[in-house]
Amino acid sequence: MTVHLVKMAVGVESIPHLEEIQARRLRAAVEAGGPAVLRHVTRNTPRRAEEILDGGSIYWVIRGFIQVRQAIVDVAEHADSDGTPACALVLDPRVARTELRPMRPFQGWRYLAAEKAPPDLPANGTEAGDLPPEMVEELRALGLL
């Protein structure tokens, strides 16, 4: 059974900002002589890695809302520069926009059941153009979206 992760994108202001940060990290990995693989390093290894690798994604919370997801391709062992063990979530660099879902702040990552994950938006646009997520949520609550 597939399970996803949800994670706060700390310091990220928007979806383009997340894409820019990840593109920089990917370039830096290649320039350092590593493989062209996008990794998100986290301290703890998910115990449910098999379920995550069965089609799971990481859902990013940006400015208080789940806004996008990326498929998780692998869950690999990693060591920080000082040798501390960590976990590298290998991500598909493609970002899929999702229906906005409000999330309260939390630390680390959380599991997200597949049936509770917000659906992807059509590839041809966003839920309400480039409106701020707070406004989209309010319009949805009023039944206007």
Protein backbone atom coordinates (compact mmCIF):
# COMPACT_ATOMS: atom_id res chain seq x y z
CA MET A 1 0.00 0.00 0.00
CA THR A 2 1.38 3.38 -1.02
CA VAL A 3 2.18 6.01 1.59
CA HIS A 4 3.48 9.54 1.05
CA LEU A 5 5.50 12.02 3.09
CA VAL A 6 4.56 15.61 3.84
CA LYS A 7 7.31 18.12 4.67
CA MET A 8 7.53 21.82 5.42
CA ALA A 9 9.51 23.70 2.76
CA VAL A 10 11.20 25.99 5.29
CA GLY A 11 12.31 29.31 3.84
CA VAL A 12 10.59 28.66 0.51
CA GLU A 13 8.35 31.51 -0.63
CA SER A 14 6.68 30.01 -3.71
CA ILE A 15 6.65 27.07 -6.11
CA PRO A 16 9.12 28.78 -8.51
CA HIS A 17 11.39 29.46 -5.52
CA LEU A 18 11.34 25.73 -4.60
CA GLU A 19 12.18 24.82 -8.20
CA GLU A 20 15.04 27.35 -8.24
CA ILE A 21 16.52 26.01 -4.98
CA GLN A 22 16.34 22.44 -6.22
CA ALA A 23 17.88 23.34 -9.59
CA ARG A 24 20.79 24.98 -7.73
CA ARG A 25 21.27 21.88 -5.56
CA LEU A 26 21.23 19.63 -8.62
CA ARG A 27 23.83 21.81 -10.39
CA ALA A 28 26.01 21.85 -7.27
CA ALA A 29 25.89 18.04 -7.02
CA VAL A 30 26.97 17.67 -10.65
CA GLU A 31 29.72 20.30 -10.29
CA ALA A 32 31.03 18.41 -7.25
CA GLY A 33 31.42 15.32 -9.43
CA GLY A 34 28.36 13.50 -8.15
CA PRO A 35 25.48 12.04 -10.12
CA ALA A 36 22.75 14.25 -11.57
CA VAL A 37 20.31 13.18 -8.87
CA LEU A 38 18.07 15.45 -6.81
CA ARG A 39 18.28 14.50 -3.13
CA HIS A 40 16.60 15.84 -0.05
CA VAL A 41 18.63 14.87 3.01
CA THR A 42 16.81 14.23 6.27
CA ARG A 43 18.09 13.01 9.61
CA ASN A 44 15.72 10.07 10.04
CA THR A 45 15.09 7.22 7.63
CA PRO A 46 11.41 6.44 7.13
CA ARG A 47 10.50 3.06 8.61
CA ARG A 48 7.86 2.65 5.91
CA ALA A 49 10.33 3.05 3.02
CA GLU A 50 8.90 0.09 1.08
CA GLU A 51 5.45 1.69 1.09
CA ILE A 52 6.94 5.03 0.03
CA LEU A 53 8.79 3.40 -2.87
CA ASP A 54 5.49 1.86 -4.01
CA GLY A 55 4.52 5.08 -5.82
CA GLY A 56 4.89 7.54 -2.94
CA SER A 57 5.64 11.25 -3.19
CA ILE A 58 6.80 14.05 -0.95
CA TYR A 59 4.16 16.74 -0.56
CA TRP A 60 5.70 20.14 0.11
CA VAL A 61 4.04 22.64 2.48
CA ILE A 62 4.79 26.15 1.24
CA ARG A 63 3.53 29.14 3.21
CA GLY A 64 1.07 27.05 5.21
CA PHE A 65 -0.42 25.00 2.36
CA ILE A 66 0.43 21.76 0.63
CA GLN A 67 0.99 23.11 -2.87
CA VAL A 68 3.11 20.61 -4.81
CA ARG A 69 4.45 17.09 -4.75
CA GLN A 70 7.43 15.23 -6.16
CA ALA A 71 7.69 11.49 -6.69
CA ILE A 72 10.17 9.75 -4.39
CA VAL A 73 12.40 7.55 -6.55
CA ASP A 74 14.59 6.07 -3.81
CA VAL A 75 15.31 6.15 -0.10
CA ALA A 76 19.09 5.88 0.31
CA GLU A 77 21.60 5.90 3.13
CA HIS A 78 23.63 9.09 3.35
CA ALA A 79 26.38 10.50 5.56
CA ASP A 80 26.71 14.19 6.34
CA SER A 81 30.07 15.90 5.83
CA ASP A 82 31.00 15.06 9.44
CA GLY A 83 30.09 11.39 9.00
CA THR A 84 26.74 11.56 10.81
CA PRO A 85 24.34 9.04 9.27
CA ALA A 86 21.31 10.47 7.52
CA CYS A 87 18.79 9.57 4.83
CA ALA A 88 18.64 10.87 1.26
CA LEU A 89 15.23 10.97 -0.36
CA VAL A 90 15.93 10.79 -4.09
CA LEU A 91 13.30 12.91 -5.84
CA ASP A 92 12.00 13.16 -9.37
CA PRO A 93 12.88 16.76 -10.32
CA ARG A 94 9.43 17.29 -11.85
CA VAL A 95 7.05 19.19 -9.58
CA ALA A 96 3.30 18.50 -9.79
CA ARG A 97 0.97 21.17 -8.46
CA THR A 98 -1.75 19.90 -6.16
CA GLU A 99 -5.02 21.16 -4.84
CA LEU A 100 -4.18 23.50 -1.97
CA ARG A 101 -4.54 21.96 1.48
CA PRO A 102 -3.87 23.98 4.65
CA MET A 103 -1.31 22.50 7.07
CA ARG A 104 -0.26 23.66 10.52
CA PRO A 105 3.48 23.91 11.20
CA PHE A 106 5.34 20.79 12.32
CA GLN A 107 8.93 19.61 12.50
CA GLY A 108 10.49 16.92 10.36
CA TRP A 109 8.20 15.01 8.03
CA ARG A 110 4.94 13.14 8.48
CA TYR A 111 3.40 10.16 6.76
CA LEU A 112 0.40 10.91 4.55
CA ALA A 113 -2.01 8.15 3.61
CA ALA A 114 -2.66 7.92 -0.13
CA GLU A 115 -6.40 8.44 0.32
CA LYS A 116 -5.77 11.68 2.26
CA ALA A 117 -3.34 13.18 -0.27
CA PRO A 118 -4.59 16.20 -2.21
CA PRO A 119 -5.22 15.50 -5.89
CA ASP A 120 -2.99 16.88 -8.62
CA LEU A 121 -4.20 19.86 -10.59
CA PRO A 122 -4.52 19.63 -14.38
CA ALA A 123 -1.20 20.18 -16.15
CA ASN A 124 -2.62 23.14 -18.07
CA GLY A 125 -2.83 25.51 -15.11
CA THR A 126 -3.24 26.17 -11.45
CA GLU A 127 -6.28 26.09 -9.25
CA ALA A 128 -6.87 29.83 -9.56
CA GLY A 129 -4.13 31.30 -11.68
CA ASP A 130 -1.35 32.86 -9.62
CA LEU A 131 -3.47 33.99 -6.69
CA PRO A 132 -1.93 33.69 -3.24
CA PRO A 133 -2.78 30.36 -1.55
CA GLU A 134 -4.59 32.13 1.31
CA MET A 135 -6.94 33.83 -1.16
CA VAL A 136 -7.59 30.57 -3.04
CA GLU A 137 -8.45 28.85 0.25
CA GLU A 138 -10.85 31.65 1.19
CA LEU A 139 -12.52 31.58 -2.24
CA ARG A 140 -12.90 27.81 -1.95
CA ALA A 141 -14.45 28.16 1.54
CA LEU A 142 -16.95 30.65 0.10
CA GLY A 143 -17.87 28.15 -2.63
CA LEU A 144 -16.47 30.34 -5.38
CA LEU A 145 -13.86 27.79 -6.51
